[in-house]
C-alpha atoms as a PDB file:
ATOM      1  CA  MET A   1      -5.852   2.777 -23.690  1.00  0.00           C
ATOM      2  CA  VAL A   2      -5.310   1.727 -19.724  1.00  0.00           C
ATOM      3  CA  SER A   3      -7.659   4.005 -18.556  1.00  0.00           C
ATOM      4  CA  LEU A   4     -10.593   2.626 -21.148  1.00  0.00           C
ATOM      5  CA  SER A   5      -9.483  -0.995 -19.817  1.00  0.00           C
ATOM      6  CA  ILE A   6     -10.303  -0.212 -16.378  1.00  0.00           C
ATOM      7  CA  GLU A   7     -13.476   1.524 -17.305  1.00  0.00           C
ATOM      8  CA  ARG A   8     -14.851  -1.487 -19.356  1.00  0.00           C
ATOM      9  CA  GLU A   9     -13.671  -3.860 -16.666  1.00  0.00           C
ATOM     10  CA  LEU A  10     -15.794  -1.401 -13.932  1.00  0.00           C
ATOM     11  CA  LYS A  11     -18.803  -1.688 -15.950  1.00  0.00           C
ATOM     12  CA  ASN A  12     -18.471  -5.761 -16.085  1.00  0.00           C
ATOM     13  CA  LEU A  13     -17.655  -5.575 -12.481  1.00  0.00           C
ATOM     14  CA  MET A  14     -20.804  -3.965 -11.885  1.00  0.00           C
ATOM     15  CA  LYS A  15     -22.981  -6.213 -14.346  1.00  0.00           C
ATOM     16  CA  THR A  16     -21.688  -9.326 -12.880  1.00  0.00           C
ATOM     17  CA  GLY A  17     -19.825  -8.875  -9.654  1.00  0.00           C
ATOM     18  CA  LYS A  18     -20.424  -7.977  -5.943  1.00  0.00           C
ATOM     19  CA  TYR A  19     -18.987  -4.886  -4.765  1.00  0.00           C
ATOM     20  CA  THR A  20     -19.627  -2.016  -2.118  1.00  0.00           C
ATOM     21  CA  LEU A  21     -19.715   1.647  -2.949  1.00  0.00           C
ATOM     22  CA  GLY A  22     -18.795   4.223  -0.215  1.00  0.00           C
ATOM     23  CA  ALA A  23     -16.012   4.986   2.063  1.00  0.00           C
ATOM     24  CA  ASN A  24     -17.716   3.610   4.963  1.00  0.00           C
ATOM     25  CA  SER A  25     -18.990   0.161   3.561  1.00  0.00           C
ATOM     26  CA  THR A  26     -15.261   0.087   1.544  1.00  0.00           C
ATOM     27  CA  ILE A  27     -13.592   0.653   4.774  1.00  0.00           C
ATOM     28  CA  ARG A  28     -15.994  -2.233   6.557  1.00  0.00           C
ATOM     29  CA  ALA A  29     -14.873  -4.699   3.740  1.00  0.00           C
ATOM     30  CA  VAL A  30     -11.258  -4.198   3.761  1.00  0.00           C
ATOM     31  CA  ALA A  31     -11.139  -4.138   7.439  1.00  0.00           C
ATOM     32  CA  SER A  32     -13.482  -7.371   7.906  1.00  0.00           C
ATOM     33  CA  GLY A  33     -11.192  -9.181   4.914  1.00  0.00           C
ATOM     34  CA  LYS A  34     -14.198  -9.414   2.400  1.00  0.00           C
ATOM     35  CA  ALA A  35     -12.459  -7.270  -0.121  1.00  0.00           C
ATOM     36  CA  LYS A  36     -10.313  -8.449  -3.146  1.00  0.00           C
ATOM     37  CA  MET A  37      -9.484  -5.071  -3.971  1.00  0.00           C
ATOM     38  CA  VAL A  38     -10.098  -1.585  -3.711  1.00  0.00           C
ATOM     39  CA  ILE A  39     -10.365   1.215  -6.042  1.00  0.00           C
ATOM     40  CA  ILE A  40      -9.961   5.051  -4.927  1.00  0.00           C
ATOM     41  CA  ALA A  41     -10.880   8.065  -6.952  1.00  0.00           C
ATOM     42  CA  GLU A  42      -7.610  10.610  -7.094  1.00  0.00           C
ATOM     43  CA  ASN A  43      -9.896  13.361  -5.172  1.00  0.00           C
ATOM     44  CA  ALA A  44     -10.786  10.910  -2.303  1.00  0.00           C
ATOM     45  CA  PRO A  45     -10.652  13.001   0.918  1.00  0.00           C
ATOM     46  CA  PRO A  46      -7.185  12.365   2.396  1.00  0.00           C
ATOM     47  CA  GLU A  47      -8.537  11.128   5.710  1.00  0.00           C
ATOM     48  CA  LEU A  48     -10.684   8.399   4.293  1.00  0.00           C
ATOM     49  CA  ARG A  49      -8.020   7.464   1.501  1.00  0.00           C
ATOM     50  CA  GLU A  50      -5.165   6.954   4.588  1.00  0.00           C
ATOM     51  CA  ARG A  51      -7.857   5.023   6.637  1.00  0.00           C
ATOM     52  CA  VAL A  52      -8.473   2.876   3.951  1.00  0.00           C
ATOM     53  CA  LEU A  53      -4.769   2.329   2.791  1.00  0.00           C
ATOM     54  CA  TYR A  54      -3.976   1.420   6.205  1.00  0.00           C
ATOM     55  CA  TYR A  55      -6.203  -1.140   6.340  1.00  0.00           C
ATOM     56  CA  ALA A  56      -5.552  -2.505   2.979  1.00  0.00           C
ATOM     57  CA  LYS A  57      -1.843  -2.677   3.522  1.00  0.00           C
ATOM     58  CA  LEU A  58      -2.536  -4.921   7.285  1.00  0.00           C
ATOM     59  CA  GLY A  59      -5.137  -7.309   5.018  1.00  0.00           C
ATOM     60  CA  ASN A  60      -2.467  -7.031   1.919  1.00  0.00           C
ATOM     61  CA  ILE A  61      -5.297  -6.012  -0.287  1.00  0.00           C
ATOM     62  CA  PRO A  62      -4.371  -4.097  -3.440  1.00  0.00           C
ATOM     63  CA  VAL A  63      -5.478  -0.804  -4.158  1.00  0.00           C
ATOM     64  CA  TYR A  64      -5.893   0.824  -7.692  1.00  0.00           C
ATOM     65  CA  VAL A  65      -6.368   4.874  -7.896  1.00  0.00           C
ATOM     66  CA  PHE A  66      -8.828   5.611 -10.632  1.00  0.00           C
ATOM     67  CA  LYS A  67      -7.578   8.272 -12.774  1.00  0.00           C
ATOM     68  CA  GLY A  68     -10.255  10.616 -12.115  1.00  0.00           C
ATOM     69  CA  THR A  69     -12.946  12.468  -9.896  1.00  0.00           C
ATOM     70  CA  SER A  70     -15.194  10.942  -7.855  1.00  0.00           C
ATOM     71  CA  GLN A  71     -17.392  12.514 -10.371  1.00  0.00           C
ATOM     72  CA  ASP A  72     -16.023  10.545 -13.104  1.00  0.00           C
ATOM     73  CA  LEU A  73     -15.949   6.986 -11.199  1.00  0.00           C
ATOM     74  CA  GLY A  74     -19.341   7.436 -10.577  1.00  0.00           C
ATOM     75  CA  VAL A  75     -20.572   8.081 -14.063  1.00  0.00           C
ATOM     76  CA  THR A  76     -17.853   5.110 -15.101  1.00  0.00           C
ATOM     77  CA  CYS A  77     -20.054   2.893 -12.367  1.00  0.00           C
ATOM     78  CA  GLY A  78     -23.194   4.174 -14.361  1.00  0.00           C
ATOM     79  CA  LYS A  79     -24.628   5.877 -10.990  1.00  0.00           C
ATOM     80  CA  PRO A  80     -25.658   9.113 -10.762  1.00  0.00           C
ATOM     81  CA  PHE A  81     -23.834  10.265  -8.061  1.00  0.00           C
ATOM     82  CA  LYS A  82     -20.016  10.370  -6.885  1.00  0.00           C
ATOM     83  CA  ILE A  83     -18.280   7.450  -5.600  1.00  0.00           C
ATOM     84  CA  SER A  84     -14.829   8.259  -4.067  1.00  0.00           C
ATOM     85  CA  MET A  85     -14.162   4.521  -3.273  1.00  0.00           C
ATOM     86  CA  LEU A  86     -15.113   0.899  -3.906  1.00  0.00           C
ATOM     87  CA  ALA A  87     -14.482  -2.324  -2.767  1.00  0.00           C
ATOM     88  CA  VAL A  88     -14.650  -5.486  -5.075  1.00  0.00           C
ATOM     89  CA  ILE A  89     -15.955  -8.607  -3.040  1.00  0.00           C
ATOM     90  CA  ASP A  90     -16.616 -10.806  -6.128  1.00  0.00           C
ATOM     91  CA  GLU A  91     -15.244  -9.782  -9.556  1.00  0.00           C
ATOM     92  CA  GLY A  92     -17.557 -11.554 -11.451  1.00  0.00           C
ATOM     93  CA  ASP A  93     -16.796 -12.184 -15.010  1.00  0.00           C
ATOM     94  CA  SER A  94     -14.729  -9.051 -15.171  1.00  0.00           C
ATOM     95  CA  ARG A  95     -10.811  -8.994 -15.066  1.00  0.00           C
ATOM     96  CA  ILE A  96     -10.837  -6.041 -12.653  1.00  0.00           C
ATOM     97  CA  LEU A  97      -8.242  -7.609 -10.339  1.00  0.00           C
ATOM     98  CA  ASP A  98      -5.590  -7.660 -13.229  1.00  0.00           C
ATOM     99  CA  PHE A  99      -5.377  -3.992 -12.507  1.00  0.00           C
ATOM    100  CA  ALA A 100      -4.468  -4.668  -8.788  1.00  0.00           C
ATOM    101  CA  SER A 101      -1.183  -4.898  -9.471  1.00  0.00           C
ATOM    102  CA  GLU A 102      -1.221  -0.762 -10.259  1.00  0.00           C
ATOM    103  CA  THR A 103      -1.246  -0.178  -6.528  1.00  0.00           C
ATOM    104  CA  ALA A 104      -1.375   3.190  -4.606  1.00  0.00           C
END
């Protein structure tokens, strides 16, 4: 049930919100303090995962681990490519920030 909700909210975020896709832009958004939340695929590379978790902890930014691979995250977001992580800049009409309490 929870995974269905996160999928619905991710799709809503893609339509109405602002976000960055990919490790480099996510790390930049977190380091600059622009991100409100980070979503990481379960199979994200460990070195990138540690780096974004470090910056998120410094900035007190919640991190949600998506229950699926980067391929699954890409498909959920409606993209034809893998997404290892994304940063939520503005949630738009979605309620994606409700999942912020389920941190990594």
